[in-house]
N, C-alpha and C. Protein backbone atom coordinates (compact mmCIF):
# COMPACT_ATOMS: atom_id res chain seq x y z
N MET A 1 -226.22 12.12 154.20
CA MET A 1 -226.36 12.61 155.54
C MET A 1 -227.76 13.18 155.70
N GLU A 2 -228.33 13.05 156.88
CA GLU A 2 -229.67 13.53 157.12
C GLU A 2 -229.70 15.05 157.14
N LYS A 3 -230.83 15.61 156.69
CA LYS A 3 -230.96 17.07 156.64
C LYS A 3 -230.86 17.68 158.04
N ASP A 4 -231.38 16.99 159.07
CA ASP A 4 -231.32 17.51 160.43
C ASP A 4 -229.87 17.66 160.91
N LYS A 5 -229.05 16.70 160.55
CA LYS A 5 -227.64 16.76 160.96
C LYS A 5 -226.91 17.87 160.25
N LEU A 6 -227.30 18.13 158.99
CA LEU A 6 -226.66 19.22 158.25
C LEU A 6 -227.03 20.58 158.84
N LYS A 7 -228.25 20.69 159.33
CA LYS A 7 -228.68 21.96 159.93
C LYS A 7 -227.94 22.29 161.22
N GLU A 8 -227.41 21.27 161.88
CA GLU A 8 -226.70 21.48 163.13
C GLU A 8 -225.26 21.94 162.92
N LEU A 9 -224.73 21.75 161.70
CA LEU A 9 -223.35 22.11 161.41
C LEU A 9 -223.21 23.62 161.20
N THR A 10 -222.06 24.13 161.57
CA THR A 10 -221.78 25.56 161.33
C THR A 10 -221.39 25.74 159.87
N ALA A 11 -221.30 27.02 159.45
CA ALA A 11 -220.92 27.31 158.06
C ALA A 11 -219.54 26.81 157.74
N ALA A 12 -218.62 26.92 158.68
CA ALA A 12 -217.25 26.45 158.46
C ALA A 12 -217.22 24.94 158.32
N GLU A 13 -218.01 24.23 159.12
CA GLU A 13 -218.07 22.79 159.03
C GLU A 13 -218.70 22.33 157.72
N LEU A 14 -219.72 23.08 157.25
CA LEU A 14 -220.32 22.76 155.97
C LEU A 14 -219.34 22.97 154.82
N GLN A 15 -218.53 24.04 154.91
CA GLN A 15 -217.55 24.28 153.89
C GLN A 15 -216.48 23.18 153.89
N SER A 16 -216.08 22.77 155.08
CA SER A 16 -215.12 21.69 155.19
C SER A 16 -215.66 20.40 154.62
N LYS A 17 -216.91 20.09 154.94
CA LYS A 17 -217.54 18.88 154.40
C LYS A 17 -217.65 18.95 152.90
N SER A 18 -218.00 20.12 152.37
CA SER A 18 -218.09 20.31 150.93
C SER A 18 -216.74 20.07 150.27
N ASN A 19 -215.70 20.63 150.84
CA ASN A 19 -214.36 20.45 150.28
C ASN A 19 -213.91 18.99 150.31
N SER A 20 -214.22 18.30 151.40
CA SER A 20 -213.81 16.88 151.48
C SER A 20 -214.58 16.03 150.48
N LEU A 21 -215.87 16.32 150.30
CA LEU A 21 -216.65 15.57 149.32
C LEU A 21 -216.16 15.85 147.90
N LYS A 22 -215.80 17.10 147.61
CA LYS A 22 -215.24 17.43 146.30
C LYS A 22 -213.92 16.68 146.09
N GLY A 23 -213.12 16.60 147.12
CA GLY A 23 -211.86 15.87 147.01
C GLY A 23 -212.06 14.39 146.75
N ILE A 24 -213.04 13.81 147.41
CA ILE A 24 -213.34 12.39 147.20
C ILE A 24 -213.81 12.16 145.76
N ILE A 25 -214.70 13.02 145.27
CA ILE A 25 -215.17 12.90 143.89
C ILE A 25 -214.01 13.07 142.93
N GLY A 26 -213.16 14.06 143.18
CA GLY A 26 -211.99 14.27 142.33
C GLY A 26 -211.08 13.05 142.31
N LEU A 27 -210.89 12.43 143.47
CA LEU A 27 -210.05 11.24 143.55
C LEU A 27 -210.64 10.11 142.73
N PHE A 28 -211.95 9.89 142.86
CA PHE A 28 -212.60 8.83 142.08
C PHE A 28 -212.46 9.09 140.58
N VAL A 29 -212.67 10.32 140.16
CA VAL A 29 -212.59 10.65 138.74
C VAL A 29 -211.13 10.48 138.25
N PHE A 30 -210.18 10.95 139.02
CA PHE A 30 -208.77 10.79 138.65
C PHE A 30 -208.39 9.32 138.50
N LEU A 31 -208.79 8.50 139.48
CA LEU A 31 -208.46 7.07 139.42
C LEU A 31 -209.12 6.41 138.22
N SER A 32 -210.36 6.79 137.93
CA SER A 32 -211.05 6.21 136.81
C SER A 32 -210.37 6.59 135.49
N LEU A 33 -210.01 7.87 135.35
CA LEU A 33 -209.32 8.30 134.12
C LEU A 33 -207.98 7.61 133.97
N ALA A 34 -207.26 7.47 135.07
CA ALA A 34 -205.97 6.79 135.01
C ALA A 34 -206.12 5.32 134.60
N LEU A 35 -207.11 4.66 135.15
CA LEU A 35 -207.34 3.25 134.80
C LEU A 35 -207.74 3.11 133.33
N PHE A 36 -208.63 4.00 132.86
CA PHE A 36 -209.01 3.97 131.45
C PHE A 36 -207.79 4.25 130.57
N PHE A 37 -206.95 5.21 130.95
CA PHE A 37 -205.76 5.53 130.17
C PHE A 37 -204.87 4.32 130.01
N PHE A 38 -204.57 3.66 131.11
CA PHE A 38 -203.67 2.52 131.04
C PHE A 38 -204.28 1.35 130.29
N ALA A 39 -205.59 1.15 130.41
CA ALA A 39 -206.23 0.07 129.68
C ALA A 39 -206.21 0.35 128.18
N ILE A 40 -206.50 1.59 127.80
CA ILE A 40 -206.50 1.94 126.38
C ILE A 40 -205.08 1.93 125.81
N ARG A 41 -204.12 2.42 126.58
CA ARG A 41 -202.74 2.42 126.15
C ARG A 41 -202.24 1.00 125.86
N ASP A 42 -202.53 0.09 126.77
CA ASP A 42 -202.11 -1.29 126.57
C ASP A 42 -202.81 -1.90 125.34
N TYR A 43 -204.07 -1.59 125.15
CA TYR A 43 -204.80 -2.11 123.99
C TYR A 43 -204.20 -1.59 122.69
N LEU A 44 -203.87 -0.29 122.67
CA LEU A 44 -203.29 0.29 121.45
C LEU A 44 -201.87 -0.20 121.18
N ASN A 45 -201.19 -0.67 122.21
CA ASN A 45 -199.85 -1.21 122.04
C ASN A 45 -199.88 -2.70 121.64
N GLY A 46 -201.03 -3.23 121.38
CA GLY A 46 -201.15 -4.59 120.87
C GLY A 46 -201.46 -5.65 121.91
N LYS A 47 -201.60 -5.27 123.14
CA LYS A 47 -201.96 -6.25 124.17
C LYS A 47 -203.45 -6.48 124.15
N GLU A 48 -203.86 -7.57 124.76
CA GLU A 48 -205.29 -7.86 124.86
C GLU A 48 -205.93 -6.91 125.86
N LEU A 49 -207.18 -6.52 125.60
CA LEU A 49 -207.89 -5.62 126.50
C LEU A 49 -208.15 -6.30 127.82
N ASP A 50 -207.71 -5.69 128.90
CA ASP A 50 -207.87 -6.27 130.23
C ASP A 50 -209.22 -5.81 130.81
N MET A 51 -210.20 -6.69 130.74
CA MET A 51 -211.55 -6.33 131.17
C MET A 51 -211.64 -6.09 132.66
N ALA A 52 -210.73 -6.65 133.44
CA ALA A 52 -210.76 -6.41 134.88
C ALA A 52 -210.48 -4.94 135.16
N ILE A 53 -209.50 -4.36 134.50
CA ILE A 53 -209.18 -2.94 134.72
C ILE A 53 -210.32 -2.05 134.22
N VAL A 54 -210.91 -2.40 133.09
CA VAL A 54 -212.04 -1.61 132.57
C VAL A 54 -213.22 -1.66 133.53
N THR A 55 -213.49 -2.84 134.09
CA THR A 55 -214.59 -2.99 135.05
C THR A 55 -214.31 -2.17 136.32
N ILE A 56 -213.10 -2.20 136.79
CA ILE A 56 -212.76 -1.41 137.98
C ILE A 56 -212.88 0.09 137.69
N ALA A 57 -212.49 0.50 136.49
CA ALA A 57 -212.62 1.91 136.12
C ALA A 57 -214.07 2.36 136.09
N ILE A 58 -214.93 1.52 135.56
CA ILE A 58 -216.38 1.83 135.52
C ILE A 58 -216.94 1.89 136.94
N CYS A 59 -216.54 0.97 137.77
CA CYS A 59 -217.03 0.97 139.17
C CYS A 59 -216.51 2.19 139.94
N THR A 60 -215.33 2.66 139.59
CA THR A 60 -214.78 3.84 140.24
C THR A 60 -215.62 5.06 139.89
N LEU A 61 -216.13 5.13 138.68
CA LEU A 61 -217.04 6.22 138.30
C LEU A 61 -218.33 6.13 139.13
N GLY A 62 -218.75 4.90 139.42
CA GLY A 62 -219.92 4.70 140.27
C GLY A 62 -219.71 5.23 141.67
N GLY A 63 -218.48 5.17 142.16
CA GLY A 63 -218.17 5.74 143.47
C GLY A 63 -218.38 7.23 143.50
N ALA A 64 -217.96 7.91 142.44
CA ALA A 64 -218.16 9.35 142.34
C ALA A 64 -219.65 9.68 142.26
N ALA A 65 -220.39 8.88 141.52
CA ALA A 65 -221.84 9.09 141.39
C ALA A 65 -222.55 8.86 142.72
N THR A 66 -222.01 8.04 143.57
CA THR A 66 -222.61 7.77 144.86
C THR A 66 -222.40 8.91 145.84
N VAL A 67 -221.26 9.56 145.75
CA VAL A 67 -220.93 10.64 146.68
C VAL A 67 -221.58 11.97 146.27
N TYR A 68 -221.87 12.13 144.96
CA TYR A 68 -222.40 13.40 144.46
C TYR A 68 -223.71 13.84 145.14
N PRO A 69 -224.69 12.95 145.39
CA PRO A 69 -225.90 13.42 146.07
C PRO A 69 -225.66 14.01 147.47
N GLN A 70 -224.66 13.48 148.18
CA GLN A 70 -224.31 14.06 149.48
C GLN A 70 -223.78 15.47 149.32
N LEU A 71 -222.95 15.66 148.30
CA LEU A 71 -222.41 17.00 148.02
C LEU A 71 -223.54 17.95 147.66
N LYS A 72 -224.50 17.49 146.90
CA LYS A 72 -225.63 18.32 146.51
C LYS A 72 -226.45 18.74 147.73
N GLU A 73 -226.62 17.84 148.69
CA GLU A 73 -227.35 18.19 149.93
C GLU A 73 -226.61 19.26 150.71
N VAL A 74 -225.30 19.15 150.76
CA VAL A 74 -224.50 20.17 151.47
C VAL A 74 -224.64 21.52 150.76
N TRP A 75 -224.58 21.52 149.44
CA TRP A 75 -224.73 22.75 148.68
C TRP A 75 -226.09 23.39 148.93
N GLU A 76 -227.16 22.57 148.96
CA GLU A 76 -228.49 23.08 149.23
C GLU A 76 -228.60 23.70 150.63
N GLU A 77 -227.94 23.08 151.58
CA GLU A 77 -227.96 23.62 152.94
C GLU A 77 -227.23 24.97 153.00
N VAL A 78 -226.13 25.05 152.29
CA VAL A 78 -225.37 26.33 152.25
C VAL A 78 -226.23 27.41 151.59
N LYS A 79 -226.91 27.05 150.51
CA LYS A 79 -227.78 28.02 149.81
C LYS A 79 -228.92 28.48 150.69
N SER A 80 -229.47 27.58 151.47
CA SER A 80 -230.62 27.94 152.32
C SER A 80 -230.22 28.89 153.44
N ARG A 81 -228.93 28.88 153.79
CA ARG A 81 -228.48 29.76 154.87
C ARG A 81 -228.13 31.16 154.36
N THR A 82 -227.94 31.31 153.08
CA THR A 82 -227.57 32.64 152.57
C THR A 82 -228.76 33.39 152.08
């Protein structure tokens, strides 16, 4: 999000945006951990490693990495106001 648009938001809106971005990152991390868990569990049970699930799990971590800079910008804006 652009810095100018963040400056127009109120403190409550910034807090809400921060919480939603944290939730999105948490969801990505949870999904990635769950996918890795099931892929490793199946592998340890003697099945062949499913590279599609491993690839999706890695890409899910990329989703969290993509959202993190937006969260950092929101945090910086909150810090600048205090």
